[in-house]
N, C-alpha and C. Protein backbone atom coordinates (compact mmCIF):
# COMPACT_ATOMS: atom_id res chain seq x y z
N GLU A 1 140.12 131.96 47.70
CA GLU A 1 139.16 131.16 46.87
C GLU A 1 137.77 132.11 46.73
N ASP A 2 137.40 132.68 47.84
CA ASP A 2 136.20 133.62 47.66
C ASP A 2 136.37 134.65 46.80
N GLU A 3 137.61 135.29 46.86
CA GLU A 3 137.83 136.50 46.09
C GLU A 3 138.01 136.21 44.67
N VAL A 4 138.55 135.10 44.23
CA VAL A 4 138.61 134.45 42.99
C VAL A 4 137.09 134.40 42.24
N ALA A 5 136.20 133.75 42.99
CA ALA A 5 134.78 133.53 42.61
C ALA A 5 134.13 135.06 42.37
N ARG A 6 134.50 135.86 43.63
CA ARG A 6 133.78 137.30 43.40
C ARG A 6 134.41 137.89 42.24
N GLN A 7 135.47 137.85 41.90
CA GLN A 7 136.01 138.60 40.54
C GLN A 7 135.48 138.04 39.41
N THR A 8 135.45 136.63 39.38
CA THR A 8 134.89 136.03 38.16
C THR A 8 133.45 136.50 37.99
N LEU A 9 132.63 136.58 39.08
CA LEU A 9 131.32 136.97 39.06
C LEU A 9 131.16 138.42 38.50
N LEU A 10 131.93 139.15 39.04
CA LEU A 10 131.81 140.63 38.59
C LEU A 10 132.14 140.97 37.35
N SER A 11 133.26 140.10 36.90
CA SER A 11 133.74 140.16 35.56
C SER A 11 132.70 139.93 34.56
N GLN A 12 131.92 138.73 34.79
CA GLN A 12 130.80 138.29 34.01
C GLN A 12 129.75 139.31 33.81
N PHE A 13 129.31 139.85 34.97
CA PHE A 13 128.27 140.86 35.17
C PHE A 13 128.62 142.09 34.28
N GLU A 14 129.95 142.50 34.40
CA GLU A 14 130.44 143.66 33.73
C GLU A 14 130.20 143.34 32.33
N THR A 15 130.64 142.27 31.63
CA THR A 15 130.63 141.93 30.33
C THR A 15 129.26 141.98 29.87
N LEU A 16 128.22 141.23 30.82
CA LEU A 16 126.87 141.18 30.24
C LEU A 16 126.03 142.38 30.43
N PHE A 17 126.28 143.16 31.58
CA PHE A 17 125.31 144.15 31.83
C PHE A 17 125.89 145.50 31.88
N GLY A 18 127.37 145.65 31.92
CA GLY A 18 127.91 146.82 32.02
C GLY A 18 128.49 147.25 33.35
N MET A 19 129.29 148.34 33.31
CA MET A 19 130.18 148.45 34.63
C MET A 19 129.28 148.85 35.89
N GLU A 20 128.33 149.66 35.44
CA GLU A 20 127.39 150.17 36.83
C GLU A 20 126.67 148.81 37.35
N SER A 21 126.21 147.99 36.55
CA SER A 21 125.47 146.96 37.23
C SER A 21 126.64 146.03 37.99
N ALA A 22 127.85 145.96 37.41
CA ALA A 22 128.94 145.26 38.31
C ALA A 22 129.19 145.87 39.53
N GLU A 23 129.27 147.06 39.56
CA GLU A 23 129.45 148.01 40.73
C GLU A 23 128.44 147.65 41.73
N ALA A 24 127.09 147.65 41.29
CA ALA A 24 125.87 147.41 42.19
C ALA A 24 126.02 146.06 42.79
N ILE A 25 126.43 144.99 42.03
CA ILE A 25 126.59 143.74 42.45
C ILE A 25 127.63 143.53 43.42
N ASN A 26 128.71 144.55 43.24
CA ASN A 26 129.91 144.30 44.20
C ASN A 26 129.44 145.02 45.44
N LYS A 27 128.66 145.99 45.48
CA LYS A 27 128.13 146.64 46.91
C LYS A 27 127.18 145.47 47.35
N ILE A 28 126.23 145.04 46.81
CA ILE A 28 125.38 143.76 47.20
C ILE A 28 126.31 142.70 47.95
N LEU A 29 127.33 142.21 47.18
CA LEU A 29 128.23 141.28 47.77
C LEU A 29 128.88 141.83 48.95
N THR A 30 129.28 142.93 49.01
CA THR A 30 129.99 143.59 50.07
C THR A 30 129.08 143.58 51.55
N ASN A 31 127.93 144.16 51.17
CA ASN A 31 127.09 144.19 52.32
C ASN A 31 126.50 142.92 52.72
N VAL A 32 126.36 141.92 51.84
CA VAL A 32 125.89 140.74 52.46
C VAL A 32 127.01 139.92 53.29
N SER A 33 128.23 140.13 52.86
CA SER A 33 129.34 139.54 53.47
C SER A 33 129.65 140.15 54.90
N GLU A 34 129.41 141.46 55.01
CA GLU A 34 129.47 142.15 56.36
C GLU A 34 128.36 141.73 57.24
N ALA A 35 127.13 141.49 56.58
CA ALA A 35 125.92 141.05 57.49
C ALA A 35 125.74 139.64 57.75
N SER A 36 126.56 138.88 57.18
CA SER A 36 126.32 137.39 57.18
C SER A 36 126.46 136.99 58.74
N ASN A 37 126.89 137.55 59.63
CA ASN A 37 126.99 137.11 60.97
C ASN A 37 125.64 137.28 61.84
N SER A 38 124.74 138.10 61.30
CA SER A 38 123.38 138.65 61.75
C SER A 38 122.45 137.58 61.52
N ILE A 39 121.79 137.33 62.55
CA ILE A 39 120.66 136.21 62.69
C ILE A 39 119.58 136.88 61.64
N LEU A 40 119.30 138.08 62.04
CA LEU A 40 118.05 138.81 61.31
C LEU A 40 118.53 138.76 59.74
N ALA A 41 119.54 139.05 59.64
CA ALA A 41 120.11 139.04 58.07
C ALA A 41 119.67 137.50 57.33
N GLN A 42 120.24 136.78 58.22
CA GLN A 42 120.02 135.54 57.66
C GLN A 42 118.62 134.93 57.61
N VAL A 43 117.73 135.28 58.50
CA VAL A 43 116.29 134.91 58.26
C VAL A 43 115.64 135.91 57.12
N LEU A 44 115.94 137.02 57.04
CA LEU A 44 115.47 138.03 55.96
C LEU A 44 116.01 137.19 54.64
N GLY A 45 117.26 136.93 54.51
CA GLY A 45 117.78 136.34 53.40
C GLY A 45 117.02 135.02 52.76
N PHE A 46 116.55 134.40 53.84
CA PHE A 46 115.86 133.09 53.58
C PHE A 46 114.49 133.41 52.97
N ILE A 47 113.94 134.42 53.71
CA ILE A 47 112.55 134.83 53.28
C ILE A 47 112.64 135.34 51.84
N THR A 48 113.48 136.24 51.44
CA THR A 48 113.70 136.65 50.26
C THR A 48 114.07 135.65 49.38
N LEU A 49 114.72 134.63 49.64
CA LEU A 49 115.08 133.42 48.60
C LEU A 49 113.82 132.74 48.33
N ILE A 50 112.79 132.62 49.37
CA ILE A 50 111.67 131.76 49.17
C ILE A 50 110.64 132.30 48.46
N VAL A 51 110.39 133.68 48.49
CA VAL A 51 109.64 134.76 47.67
C VAL A 51 110.17 134.61 46.44
N SER A 52 111.55 134.75 46.19
CA SER A 52 112.08 134.91 44.83
C SER A 52 111.85 133.59 44.17
N ALA A 53 112.20 132.61 44.86
CA ALA A 53 112.23 131.25 44.10
C ALA A 53 110.41 131.03 43.79
N THR A 54 109.57 131.21 44.60
CA THR A 54 108.20 131.22 44.35
C THR A 54 107.82 131.89 43.03
N THR A 55 108.23 133.25 42.99
CA THR A 55 107.89 134.15 42.07
C THR A 55 108.44 133.45 40.53
N VAL A 56 109.72 132.98 40.61
CA VAL A 56 110.38 132.47 39.48
C VAL A 56 109.55 131.24 38.90
N PHE A 57 109.43 130.53 39.72
CA PHE A 57 108.46 129.21 39.49
C PHE A 57 107.04 129.53 38.97
N VAL A 58 106.46 130.43 39.46
CA VAL A 58 104.93 130.89 39.10
C VAL A 58 105.20 131.53 37.66
N SER A 59 106.15 132.25 37.53
CA SER A 59 106.20 132.84 36.02
C SER A 59 106.66 131.90 35.08
N LEU A 60 107.68 130.70 35.43
CA LEU A 60 107.86 129.93 34.55
C LEU A 60 106.69 128.83 34.32
N GLN A 61 105.76 128.63 35.15
CA GLN A 61 104.79 127.84 35.10
C GLN A 61 103.72 128.52 34.09
N ASP A 62 103.57 129.79 34.28
CA ASP A 62 102.60 130.54 33.58
C ASP A 62 103.23 130.71 32.09
N GLY A 63 104.44 130.69 31.96
CA GLY A 63 105.08 130.79 30.29
C GLY A 63 104.76 129.41 29.83
N ILE A 64 104.99 128.50 30.69
CA ILE A 64 104.76 126.91 29.96
C ILE A 64 103.33 126.70 29.56
N ASN A 65 102.45 127.32 30.34
CA ASN A 65 101.07 127.10 30.38
C ASN A 65 100.61 127.80 28.98
N GLN A 66 101.42 129.00 28.78
CA GLN A 66 100.76 129.88 27.58
C GLN A 66 101.41 129.09 26.35
N VAL A 67 102.60 128.45 26.37
CA VAL A 67 103.22 127.82 25.24
C VAL A 67 102.38 126.56 24.98
N TRP A 68 101.74 125.91 25.88
CA TRP A 68 101.04 124.59 25.80
C TRP A 68 99.56 125.07 25.55
N GLY A 69 99.21 126.30 25.55
CA GLY A 69 97.90 126.53 25.53
C GLY A 69 97.02 126.21 26.76
N LEU A 70 97.30 126.09 27.94
CA LEU A 70 96.55 125.40 28.96
C LEU A 70 95.86 126.79 29.75
């Protein structure tokens, strides 16, 4: 099941962004799956998630404010 999801994701990335991007995503997924047992990796992943989500939210808010002229 995980392998099917992985192949689907990689196929979509290859279609949208090209083979090189799909290979990079494949490396990332491989490294993440190998490091998933590490507490440090989980903590760093969580911190990265929070920072990324905050950045996306701020960018979205800025864009909406520009559209509405605020």
